């Protein structure tokens, strides 16, 4: 199965100069915890709810003033529409990510979530393996 068969094609994005508050509102509106950061269709990075919590709120920054570009993850892992879903799941596991921006000719054309993979009967094993890799314990200091 190809990524293009199960990816989300209508992807909400934010721009690098948008505020953290704007990004959070868009995430809430779309019920997601991660959103691509784009100039037009060109992917600049990804911002997650965790980025907002750790790089803005926990640091005491003002989400109404701080820009997305200040906390986003630049140069994220990406996939292609023709990529096999199992290959995408392996990449997500290796990079410990739950969502993968999909690019074609350097333009964002979709977003693949672990949930997209898990609801497809043919790829449920890949989703389980990816989740296992994503969820593996990292060295977290408290």
N, C-alpha and C. Protein backbone atom coordinates (compact mmCIF):
# COMPACT_ATOMS: atom_id res chain seq x y z
N UNK A 1 0.84 -1.17 0.00
CA UNK A 1 0.00 0.00 0.00
C UNK A 1 0.89 1.24 0.00
N UNK A 2 0.48 2.24 -0.74
CA UNK A 2 1.25 3.49 -0.86
C UNK A 2 0.73 4.54 0.13
N UNK A 3 1.62 5.41 0.57
CA UNK A 3 1.28 6.48 1.49
C UNK A 3 0.15 7.34 0.93
N UNK A 4 0.17 7.62 -0.36
CA UNK A 4 -0.84 8.50 -0.96
C UNK A 4 -2.26 7.95 -0.81
N UNK A 5 -2.39 6.66 -0.58
CA UNK A 5 -3.70 6.05 -0.44
C UNK A 5 -4.34 6.31 0.92
N UNK A 6 -3.54 6.63 1.93
CA UNK A 6 -4.10 6.80 3.27
C UNK A 6 -3.76 8.14 3.93
N UNK A 7 -2.89 8.93 3.32
CA UNK A 7 -2.48 10.20 3.94
C UNK A 7 -3.64 11.21 3.91
N UNK A 8 -3.56 12.17 4.80
CA UNK A 8 -4.48 13.30 4.78
C UNK A 8 -3.98 14.26 3.72
N UNK A 9 -4.86 14.63 2.81
CA UNK A 9 -4.44 15.49 1.69
C UNK A 9 -4.73 16.97 1.92
N UNK A 10 -5.75 17.26 2.68
CA UNK A 10 -6.11 18.65 2.98
C UNK A 10 -5.50 19.02 4.32
N UNK A 11 -4.29 19.56 4.28
CA UNK A 11 -3.51 19.77 5.49
C UNK A 11 -3.54 21.24 5.92
N UNK A 12 -3.91 21.48 7.15
CA UNK A 12 -3.84 22.83 7.72
C UNK A 12 -2.38 23.12 8.06
N UNK A 13 -1.95 24.34 7.82
CA UNK A 13 -0.57 24.75 8.08
C UNK A 13 -0.55 26.09 8.81
N UNK A 14 0.58 26.39 9.41
CA UNK A 14 0.84 27.72 9.94
C UNK A 14 2.09 28.24 9.24
N UNK A 15 2.29 29.55 9.35
CA UNK A 15 3.49 30.17 8.78
C UNK A 15 4.49 30.43 9.90
N UNK A 16 5.77 30.50 9.54
CA UNK A 16 6.81 30.71 10.57
C UNK A 16 6.60 31.96 11.42
N UNK A 17 6.01 33.02 10.86
CA UNK A 17 5.81 34.25 11.61
C UNK A 17 4.49 34.31 12.37
N UNK A 18 3.68 33.24 12.28
CA UNK A 18 2.46 33.17 13.09
C UNK A 18 2.86 33.03 14.56
N UNK A 19 1.98 33.45 15.45
CA UNK A 19 2.27 33.32 16.88
C UNK A 19 1.97 31.90 17.34
N UNK A 20 2.54 31.56 18.48
CA UNK A 20 2.28 30.26 19.10
C UNK A 20 0.78 30.14 19.40
N UNK A 21 0.18 31.21 19.85
CA UNK A 21 -1.25 31.20 20.14
C UNK A 21 -2.05 30.83 18.89
N UNK A 22 -1.70 31.42 17.74
CA UNK A 22 -2.40 31.09 16.49
C UNK A 22 -2.25 29.61 16.16
N UNK A 23 -1.04 29.09 16.31
CA UNK A 23 -0.78 27.67 16.03
C UNK A 23 -1.61 26.79 16.94
N UNK A 24 -1.67 27.13 18.22
CA UNK A 24 -2.44 26.33 19.19
C UNK A 24 -3.93 26.35 18.84
N UNK A 25 -4.43 27.50 18.42
CA UNK A 25 -5.85 27.60 18.04
C UNK A 25 -6.16 26.74 16.82
N UNK A 26 -5.25 26.71 15.86
CA UNK A 26 -5.46 25.89 14.66
C UNK A 26 -5.40 24.41 15.03
N UNK A 27 -4.48 24.04 15.91
CA UNK A 27 -4.42 22.64 16.38
C UNK A 27 -5.73 22.26 17.07
N UNK A 28 -6.23 23.15 17.91
CA UNK A 28 -7.49 22.88 18.61
C UNK A 28 -8.64 22.74 17.62
N UNK A 29 -8.70 23.64 16.66
CA UNK A 29 -9.76 23.62 15.65
C UNK A 29 -9.77 22.32 14.86
N UNK A 30 -8.58 21.80 14.55
CA UNK A 30 -8.47 20.60 13.74
C UNK A 30 -8.28 19.33 14.57
N UNK A 31 -8.24 19.47 15.88
CA UNK A 31 -8.10 18.31 16.75
C UNK A 31 -6.81 17.55 16.55
N UNK A 32 -5.71 18.29 16.38
CA UNK A 32 -4.43 17.63 16.14
C UNK A 32 -3.37 18.18 17.09
N UNK A 33 -2.29 17.45 17.24
CA UNK A 33 -1.22 17.86 18.13
C UNK A 33 0.06 18.23 17.41
N UNK A 34 -0.03 18.34 16.09
CA UNK A 34 1.14 18.66 15.28
C UNK A 34 0.66 19.34 14.01
N UNK A 35 1.41 20.33 13.58
CA UNK A 35 1.00 21.04 12.38
C UNK A 35 2.23 21.47 11.59
N UNK A 36 2.19 21.31 10.27
CA UNK A 36 3.33 21.74 9.45
C UNK A 36 3.46 23.27 9.45
N UNK A 37 4.68 23.73 9.33
CA UNK A 37 4.98 25.15 9.21
C UNK A 37 5.46 25.36 7.78
N UNK A 38 4.74 26.20 7.03
CA UNK A 38 5.02 26.35 5.60
C UNK A 38 5.06 27.81 5.17
N UNK A 39 5.83 28.08 4.12
CA UNK A 39 5.72 29.30 3.32
C UNK A 39 5.11 28.83 2.02
N UNK A 40 3.87 29.15 1.77
CA UNK A 40 3.18 28.61 0.60
C UNK A 40 3.07 27.11 0.79
N UNK A 41 3.53 26.35 -0.19
CA UNK A 41 3.53 24.89 -0.09
C UNK A 41 4.88 24.34 0.35
N UNK A 42 5.85 25.22 0.62
CA UNK A 42 7.20 24.78 0.99
C UNK A 42 7.27 24.55 2.50
N UNK A 43 7.60 23.33 2.88
CA UNK A 43 7.69 22.96 4.29
C UNK A 43 8.94 23.57 4.91
N UNK A 44 8.74 24.30 6.01
CA UNK A 44 9.84 24.91 6.76
C UNK A 44 10.14 24.14 8.04
N UNK A 45 9.12 23.46 8.57
CA UNK A 45 9.29 22.74 9.81
C UNK A 45 7.96 22.19 10.29
N UNK A 46 7.95 21.74 11.53
CA UNK A 46 6.75 21.21 12.17
C UNK A 46 6.73 21.74 13.60
N UNK A 47 5.54 22.10 14.07
CA UNK A 47 5.39 22.50 15.47
C UNK A 47 4.36 21.57 16.10
N UNK A 48 4.68 21.11 17.30
CA UNK A 48 3.80 20.18 18.01
C UNK A 48 3.30 20.80 19.31
N UNK A 49 2.28 20.17 19.86
CA UNK A 49 1.79 20.62 21.16
C UNK A 49 2.89 20.49 22.21
N UNK A 50 3.75 19.51 22.06
CA UNK A 50 4.88 19.35 22.99
C UNK A 50 5.87 20.50 22.84
N UNK A 51 6.13 20.93 21.60
CA UNK A 51 7.00 22.10 21.38
C UNK A 51 6.44 23.32 22.12
N UNK A 52 5.13 23.50 22.01
CA UNK A 52 4.48 24.64 22.67
C UNK A 52 4.66 24.53 24.18
N UNK A 53 4.41 23.35 24.72
CA UNK A 53 4.52 23.16 26.17
C UNK A 53 5.96 23.34 26.66
N UNK A 54 6.92 22.72 25.95
CA UNK A 54 8.29 22.71 26.44
C UNK A 54 9.10 23.95 26.08
N UNK A 55 8.87 24.50 24.90
CA UNK A 55 9.70 25.61 24.42
C UNK A 55 9.06 26.97 24.56
N UNK A 56 7.82 27.00 24.98
CA UNK A 56 7.13 28.28 25.17
C UNK A 56 6.61 28.37 26.61
N UNK A 57 5.61 27.57 26.93
CA UNK A 57 4.95 27.66 28.23
C UNK A 57 5.92 27.38 29.38
N UNK A 58 6.66 26.28 29.30
CA UNK A 58 7.57 25.91 30.39
C UNK A 58 8.70 26.92 30.57
N UNK A 59 9.02 27.63 29.49
CA UNK A 59 10.06 28.66 29.58
C UNK A 59 9.51 30.02 29.96
N UNK A 60 8.20 30.09 30.23
CA UNK A 60 7.59 31.34 30.65
C UNK A 60 7.44 32.37 29.55
N UNK A 61 7.44 31.92 28.32
CA UNK A 61 7.32 32.85 27.18
C UNK A 61 5.86 33.18 26.92
N UNK A 62 5.63 34.25 26.21
CA UNK A 62 4.27 34.71 25.89
C UNK A 62 3.85 34.17 24.52
N UNK A 63 2.90 33.26 24.50
CA UNK A 63 2.43 32.66 23.26
C UNK A 63 1.74 33.62 22.32
N UNK A 64 1.34 34.79 22.84
CA UNK A 64 0.73 35.81 21.98
C UNK A 64 1.80 36.61 21.24
N UNK A 65 3.02 36.51 21.71
CA UNK A 65 4.12 37.27 21.10
C UNK A 65 5.14 36.37 20.39
N UNK A 66 5.44 35.22 20.98
CA UNK A 66 6.47 34.35 20.43
C UNK A 66 6.02 33.75 19.10
N UNK A 67 6.94 33.67 18.17
CA UNK A 67 6.65 33.17 16.82
C UNK A 67 6.90 31.67 16.72
N UNK A 68 6.15 31.04 15.84
CA UNK A 68 6.28 29.61 15.58
C UNK A 68 7.71 29.25 15.21
N UNK A 69 8.36 30.07 14.38
CA UNK A 69 9.72 29.76 13.92
C UNK A 69 10.72 29.65 15.07
N UNK A 70 10.39 30.22 16.23
CA UNK A 70 11.29 30.17 17.37
C UNK A 70 11.25 28.84 18.10
N UNK A 71 10.19 28.06 17.91
CA UNK A 71 10.07 26.80 18.65
C UNK A 71 9.89 25.58 17.76
N UNK A 72 9.68 25.79 16.47
CA UNK A 72 9.41 24.66 15.57
C UNK A 72 10.65 23.79 15.40
N UNK A 73 10.41 22.57 14.98
CA UNK A 73 11.48 21.68 14.58
C UNK A 73 11.70 21.90 13.09
N UNK A 74 12.87 22.39 12.73
CA UNK A 74 13.18 22.62 11.33
C UNK A 74 13.70 21.34 10.69
N UNK A 75 13.63 21.28 9.39
CA UNK A 75 14.13 20.13 8.61
C UNK A 75 13.61 18.80 9.17
N UNK A 76 12.29 18.64 9.27
CA UNK A 76 11.76 17.38 9.80
C UNK A 76 11.92 16.24 8.80
N UNK A 77 11.80 15.04 9.31
CA UNK A 77 11.77 13.86 8.43
C UNK A 77 10.54 13.99 7.53
N UNK A 78 10.66 13.56 6.29
CA UNK A 78 9.54 13.63 5.35
C UNK A 78 9.43 12.33 4.56
N UNK A 79 8.29 12.15 3.96
CA UNK A 79 8.05 11.00 3.08
C UNK A 79 7.55 11.48 1.74
N UNK A 80 7.31 10.52 0.85
CA UNK A 80 6.79 10.81 -0.48
C UNK A 80 5.50 10.03 -0.69
N UNK A 81 4.61 10.54 -1.55
CA UNK A 81 3.33 9.87 -1.78
C UNK A 81 3.46 8.43 -2.27
N UNK A 82 4.50 8.13 -3.04
CA UNK A 82 4.69 6.79 -3.60
C UNK A 82 5.39 5.83 -2.64
N UNK A 83 5.78 6.32 -1.49
CA UNK A 83 6.47 5.51 -0.49
C UNK A 83 5.53 4.42 0.03
N UNK A 84 6.08 3.25 0.27
CA UNK A 84 5.30 2.17 0.85
C UNK A 84 4.97 2.51 2.31
N UNK A 85 3.77 2.20 2.73
CA UNK A 85 3.33 2.51 4.10
C UNK A 85 4.24 1.86 5.13
N UNK A 86 4.70 0.66 4.87
CA UNK A 86 5.61 -0.01 5.81
C UNK A 86 6.92 0.74 5.94
N UNK A 87 7.43 1.27 4.83
CA UNK A 87 8.65 2.07 4.86
C UNK A 87 8.43 3.36 5.66
N UNK A 88 7.28 4.00 5.47
CA UNK A 88 6.95 5.21 6.22
C UNK A 88 6.86 4.90 7.72
N UNK A 89 6.25 3.77 8.07
CA UNK A 89 6.14 3.38 9.47
C UNK A 89 7.52 3.14 10.08
N UNK A 90 8.42 2.52 9.32
CA UNK A 90 9.79 2.30 9.81
C UNK A 90 10.48 3.64 10.07
N UNK A 91 10.32 4.59 9.15
CA UNK A 91 10.92 5.91 9.31
C UNK A 91 10.36 6.61 10.55
N UNK A 92 9.05 6.51 10.74
CA UNK A 92 8.43 7.13 11.90
C UNK A 92 8.94 6.50 13.19
N UNK A 93 9.13 5.20 13.19
CA UNK A 93 9.67 4.50 14.36
C UNK A 93 11.11 4.94 14.64
N UNK A 94 11.93 4.96 13.59
CA UNK A 94 13.34 5.35 13.75
C UNK A 94 13.47 6.77 14.28
N UNK A 95 12.66 7.68 13.78
CA UNK A 95 12.74 9.09 14.16
C UNK A 95 11.88 9.42 15.38
N UNK A 96 11.13 8.42 15.88
CA UNK A 96 10.25 8.58 17.03
C UNK A 96 9.25 9.72 16.83
N UNK A 97 8.56 9.67 15.68
CA UNK A 97 7.54 10.68 15.37
C UNK A 97 6.22 10.00 15.05
N UNK A 98 5.14 10.67 15.34
CA UNK A 98 3.80 10.13 15.11
C UNK A 98 3.16 10.66 13.83
N UNK A 99 3.76 11.68 13.24
CA UNK A 99 3.22 12.27 12.02
C UNK A 99 4.35 12.58 11.06
N UNK A 100 4.09 12.36 9.78
CA UNK A 100 5.12 12.50 8.75
C UNK A 100 4.61 13.40 7.63
N UNK A 101 5.24 14.57 7.42
CA UNK A 101 4.86 15.39 6.28
C UNK A 101 5.22 14.67 4.98
N UNK A 102 4.33 14.77 4.00
CA UNK A 102 4.55 14.10 2.72
C UNK A 102 4.79 15.17 1.65
N UNK A 103 5.94 15.07 0.99
CA UNK A 103 6.35 16.06 -0.01
C UNK A 103 6.40 15.44 -1.40
N UNK A 104 6.06 16.26 -2.38
CA UNK A 104 6.22 15.90 -3.78
C UNK A 104 6.75 17.14 -4.49
N UNK A 105 7.88 17.01 -5.17
CA UNK A 105 8.53 18.16 -5.82
C UNK A 105 8.74 19.31 -4.83
N UNK A 106 9.20 18.98 -3.64
CA UNK A 106 9.47 19.94 -2.56
C UNK A 106 8.25 20.70 -2.07
N UNK A 107 7.05 20.25 -2.39
CA UNK A 107 5.82 20.87 -1.91
C UNK A 107 5.08 19.91 -0.99
N UNK A 108 4.49 20.46 0.07
CA UNK A 108 3.70 19.65 0.99
C UNK A 108 2.41 19.24 0.29
N UNK A 109 2.19 17.92 0.20
CA UNK A 109 0.98 17.41 -0.45
C UNK A 109 0.13 16.55 0.49
N UNK A 110 0.65 16.28 1.69
CA UNK A 110 -0.11 15.46 2.62
C UNK A 110 0.58 15.33 3.96
N UNK A 111 -0.11 14.64 4.87
CA UNK A 111 0.40 14.42 6.22
C UNK A 111 -0.03 13.02 6.61
N UNK A 112 0.90 12.21 7.00
CA UNK A 112 0.61 10.83 7.39
C UNK A 112 0.74 10.70 8.89
N UNK A 113 -0.33 10.28 9.53
CA UNK A 113 -0.32 10.08 10.98
C UNK A 113 -0.28 8.59 11.29
N UNK A 114 0.27 8.27 12.43
CA UNK A 114 0.29 6.88 12.88
C UNK A 114 -1.12 6.31 12.89
N UNK A 115 -2.09 7.15 13.26
CA UNK A 115 -3.48 6.72 13.26
C UNK A 115 -3.98 6.34 11.87
N UNK A 116 -3.50 7.02 10.83
CA UNK A 116 -3.87 6.68 9.45
C UNK A 116 -3.41 5.26 9.12
N UNK A 117 -2.23 4.92 9.59
CA UNK A 117 -1.66 3.60 9.33
C UNK A 117 -2.42 2.53 10.12
N UNK A 118 -2.75 2.85 11.36
CA UNK A 118 -3.35 1.85 12.24
C UNK A 118 -4.76 1.45 11.84
N UNK A 119 -5.49 2.29 11.14
CA UNK A 119 -6.86 1.94 10.77
C UNK A 119 -6.93 1.11 9.49
N UNK A 120 -5.80 0.97 8.80
CA UNK A 120 -5.76 0.15 7.60
C UNK A 120 -5.39 -1.28 7.98
N UNK A 121 -6.28 -2.24 7.77
CA UNK A 121 -6.00 -3.63 8.19
C UNK A 121 -4.68 -4.17 7.64
N UNK A 122 -4.32 -3.80 6.42
CA UNK A 122 -3.10 -4.33 5.81
C UNK A 122 -1.83 -3.76 6.45
N UNK A 123 -1.96 -2.68 7.19
CA UNK A 123 -0.75 -2.06 7.74
C UNK A 123 -0.77 -1.98 9.26
N UNK A 124 -1.65 -2.70 9.92
CA UNK A 124 -1.74 -2.63 11.38
C UNK A 124 -0.47 -3.12 12.06
N UNK A 125 0.19 -4.15 11.52
CA UNK A 125 1.46 -4.61 12.11
C UNK A 125 2.50 -3.51 12.05
N UNK A 126 2.57 -2.80 10.91
CA UNK A 126 3.52 -1.70 10.78
C UNK A 126 3.24 -0.61 11.79
N UNK A 127 1.96 -0.31 12.00
CA UNK A 127 1.59 0.72 12.98
C UNK A 127 2.02 0.30 14.38
N UNK A 128 1.81 -0.95 14.72
CA UNK A 128 2.21 -1.45 16.04
C UNK A 128 3.70 -1.39 16.24
N UNK A 129 4.46 -1.77 15.22
CA UNK A 129 5.91 -1.71 15.30
C UNK A 129 6.39 -0.26 15.39
N UNK A 130 5.75 0.62 14.63
CA UNK A 130 6.14 2.03 14.68
C UNK A 130 5.86 2.60 16.06
N UNK A 131 4.69 2.30 16.62
CA UNK A 131 4.35 2.81 17.94
C UNK A 131 5.32 2.29 18.99
N UNK A 132 5.71 1.04 18.86
CA UNK A 132 6.68 0.46 19.78
C UNK A 132 8.00 1.24 19.73
N UNK A 133 8.45 1.56 18.52
CA UNK A 133 9.68 2.32 18.36
C UNK A 133 9.55 3.75 18.83
N UNK A 134 8.40 4.35 18.56
CA UNK A 134 8.15 5.74 18.96
C UNK A 134 8.08 5.85 20.47
N UNK A 135 7.50 4.83 21.09
CA UNK A 135 7.25 4.87 22.53
C UNK A 135 8.42 4.38 23.37
N UNK A 136 9.49 3.91 22.72
CA UNK A 136 10.60 3.37 23.52
C UNK A 136 11.15 4.46 24.41
N UNK A 137 11.59 4.02 25.57
CA UNK A 137 12.07 4.96 26.58
C UNK A 137 13.34 5.64 26.12
N UNK A 138 13.39 6.95 26.34
CA UNK A 138 14.60 7.71 26.06
C UNK A 138 15.17 8.18 27.39
N UNK A 139 16.37 8.67 27.37
CA UNK A 139 17.01 9.14 28.60
C UNK A 139 16.42 10.49 28.98
N UNK A 140 15.45 10.45 29.87
CA UNK A 140 14.80 11.67 30.34
C UNK A 140 15.28 11.94 31.75
N UNK A 141 15.73 13.14 31.98
CA UNK A 141 16.18 13.50 33.31
C UNK A 141 15.10 14.31 34.00
N UNK A 142 14.83 13.96 35.21
CA UNK A 142 13.82 14.68 36.00
C UNK A 142 14.51 15.47 37.08
